Amino acid sequence: MGWITAVAIYFVVWWTVLFAVLPWGAHTPDDTDAGKAAGAPAKPRIGLKFLITTVVSAIVWVLIYLTVTSGLISFRN
């Protein structure tokens, strides 16, 4: 696996995991002020979600890398 392929796979995995992590802990506020969307989360904690996404994506990427380099799954056949 070349480094460009590895980065591309990590990028796709990161975005997929981000969309899985975004709803975690998202609660709508009880009262909405004028000009705020009713469905917007009260405390989005996006930095924490980016950190969780990065760690989980790294673990998933390592598993993908080990699977591809071990020859268990071959994309050349």
C-alpha atoms as a PDB file:
ATOM      1  CA  MET A   1       0.000   0.000   0.000  1.00  0.00           C
ATOM      2  CA  GLY A   2       1.494   3.315  -1.064  1.00  0.00           C
ATOM      3  CA  TRP A   3       1.422   6.378   1.143  1.00  0.00           C
ATOM      4  CA  ILE A   4      -1.110   8.176  -1.075  1.00  0.00           C
ATOM      5  CA  THR A   5      -3.474   5.213  -0.828  1.00  0.00           C
ATOM      6  CA  ALA A   6      -2.942   5.042   2.931  1.00  0.00           C
ATOM      7  CA  VAL A   7      -3.762   8.739   3.361  1.00  0.00           C
ATOM      8  CA  ALA A   8      -6.827   8.437   1.121  1.00  0.00           C
ATOM      9  CA  ILE A   9      -8.113   5.455   3.108  1.00  0.00           C
ATOM     10  CA  TYR A  10      -7.528   7.296   6.402  1.00  0.00           C
ATOM     11  CA  PHE A  11      -9.381  10.346   5.040  1.00  0.00           C
ATOM     12  CA  VAL A  12     -12.417   8.260   4.064  1.00  0.00           C
ATOM     13  CA  VAL A  13     -12.382   6.357   7.359  1.00  0.00           C
ATOM     14  CA  TRP A  14     -12.070   9.619   9.340  1.00  0.00           C
ATOM     15  CA  TRP A  15     -15.108  11.186   7.669  1.00  0.00           C
ATOM     16  CA  THR A  16     -17.163   8.009   8.064  1.00  0.00           C
ATOM     17  CA  VAL A  17     -16.319   7.776  11.758  1.00  0.00           C
ATOM     18  CA  LEU A  18     -17.030  11.502  12.231  1.00  0.00           C
ATOM     19  CA  PHE A  19     -20.571  11.107  10.966  1.00  0.00           C
ATOM     20  CA  ALA A  20     -21.022   8.145  13.316  1.00  0.00           C
ATOM     21  CA  VAL A  21     -19.668  10.109  16.305  1.00  0.00           C
ATOM     22  CA  LEU A  22     -21.479  13.434  15.741  1.00  0.00           C
ATOM     23  CA  PRO A  23     -24.816  12.374  17.294  1.00  0.00           C
ATOM     24  CA  TRP A  24     -23.176  11.146  20.534  1.00  0.00           C
ATOM     25  CA  GLY A  25     -24.374  13.264  23.421  1.00  0.00           C
ATOM     26  CA  ALA A  26     -26.278  15.719  21.238  1.00  0.00           C
ATOM     27  CA  HIS A  27     -29.256  17.058  23.147  1.00  0.00           C
ATOM     28  CA  THR A  28     -31.447  19.915  22.012  1.00  0.00           C
ATOM     29  CA  PRO A  29     -31.892  22.782  24.467  1.00  0.00           C
ATOM     30  CA  ASP A  30     -35.113  23.047  26.428  1.00  0.00           C
ATOM     31  CA  ASP A  31     -35.637  26.680  25.504  1.00  0.00           C
ATOM     32  CA  THR A  32     -34.663  28.206  22.179  1.00  0.00           C
ATOM     33  CA  ASP A  33     -33.914  31.868  21.742  1.00  0.00           C
ATOM     34  CA  ALA A  34     -34.937  33.857  18.700  1.00  0.00           C
ATOM     35  CA  GLY A  35     -32.571  33.282  15.810  1.00  0.00           C
ATOM     36  CA  LYS A  36     -31.360  29.856  16.944  1.00  0.00           C
ATOM     37  CA  ALA A  37     -32.329  26.634  15.233  1.00  0.00           C
ATOM     38  CA  ALA A  38     -34.567  24.416  17.350  1.00  0.00           C
ATOM     39  CA  GLY A  39     -32.607  21.294  16.428  1.00  0.00           C
ATOM     40  CA  ALA A  40     -29.146  22.688  17.188  1.00  0.00           C
ATOM     41  CA  PRO A  41     -27.402  20.883  20.063  1.00  0.00           C
ATOM     42  CA  ALA A  42     -26.972  22.813  23.298  1.00  0.00           C
ATOM     43  CA  LYS A  43     -23.330  21.745  23.819  1.00  0.00           C
ATOM     44  CA  PRO A  44     -21.904  20.250  20.611  1.00  0.00           C
ATOM     45  CA  ARG A  45     -18.412  19.532  22.085  1.00  0.00           C
ATOM     46  CA  ILE A  46     -16.993  19.342  18.564  1.00  0.00           C
ATOM     47  CA  GLY A  47     -13.350  19.328  19.729  1.00  0.00           C
ATOM     48  CA  LEU A  48     -13.919  16.219  21.816  1.00  0.00           C
ATOM     49  CA  LYS A  49     -15.738  14.565  18.930  1.00  0.00           C
ATOM     50  CA  PHE A  50     -12.832  15.368  16.570  1.00  0.00           C
ATOM     51  CA  LEU A  51     -10.418  13.811  19.067  1.00  0.00           C
ATOM     52  CA  ILE A  52     -12.538  10.667  19.441  1.00  0.00           C
ATOM     53  CA  THR A  53     -12.893  10.477  15.649  1.00  0.00           C
ATOM     54  CA  THR A  54      -9.135  10.746  15.157  1.00  0.00           C
ATOM     55  CA  VAL A  55      -8.358   8.003  17.693  1.00  0.00           C
ATOM     56  CA  VAL A  56     -11.040   5.603  16.425  1.00  0.00           C
ATOM     57  CA  SER A  57     -10.038   6.269  12.801  1.00  0.00           C
ATOM     58  CA  ALA A  58      -6.405   5.530  13.588  1.00  0.00           C
ATOM     59  CA  ILE A  59      -7.371   2.193  15.152  1.00  0.00           C
ATOM     60  CA  VAL A  60      -9.597   1.280  12.196  1.00  0.00           C
ATOM     61  CA  TRP A  61      -6.884   2.363   9.739  1.00  0.00           C
ATOM     62  CA  VAL A  62      -4.281   0.176  11.472  1.00  0.00           C
ATOM     63  CA  LEU A  63      -6.654  -2.791  11.251  1.00  0.00           C
ATOM     64  CA  ILE A  64      -7.202  -2.121   7.539  1.00  0.00           C
ATOM     65  CA  TYR A  65      -3.450  -1.712   6.963  1.00  0.00           C
ATOM     66  CA  LEU A  66      -2.626  -4.955   8.771  1.00  0.00           C
ATOM     67  CA  THR A  67      -5.325  -6.815   6.864  1.00  0.00           C
ATOM     68  CA  VAL A  68      -4.114  -5.577   3.476  1.00  0.00           C
ATOM     69  CA  THR A  69      -0.370  -6.045   4.133  1.00  0.00           C
ATOM     70  CA  SER A  70      -0.791  -9.501   5.688  1.00  0.00           C
ATOM     71  CA  GLY A  71      -2.192 -10.862   2.445  1.00  0.00           C
ATOM     72  CA  LEU A  72      -5.385 -11.984   4.145  1.00  0.00           C
ATOM     73  CA  ILE A  73      -7.308  -9.950   1.578  1.00  0.00           C
ATOM     74  CA  SER A  74      -5.734  -9.334  -1.778  1.00  0.00           C
ATOM     75  CA  PHE A  75      -6.898  -6.597  -4.105  1.00  0.00           C
ATOM     76  CA  ARG A  76      -4.540  -7.737  -6.880  1.00  0.00           C
ATOM     77  CA  ASN A  77      -6.422 -10.888  -7.922  1.00  0.00           C
END
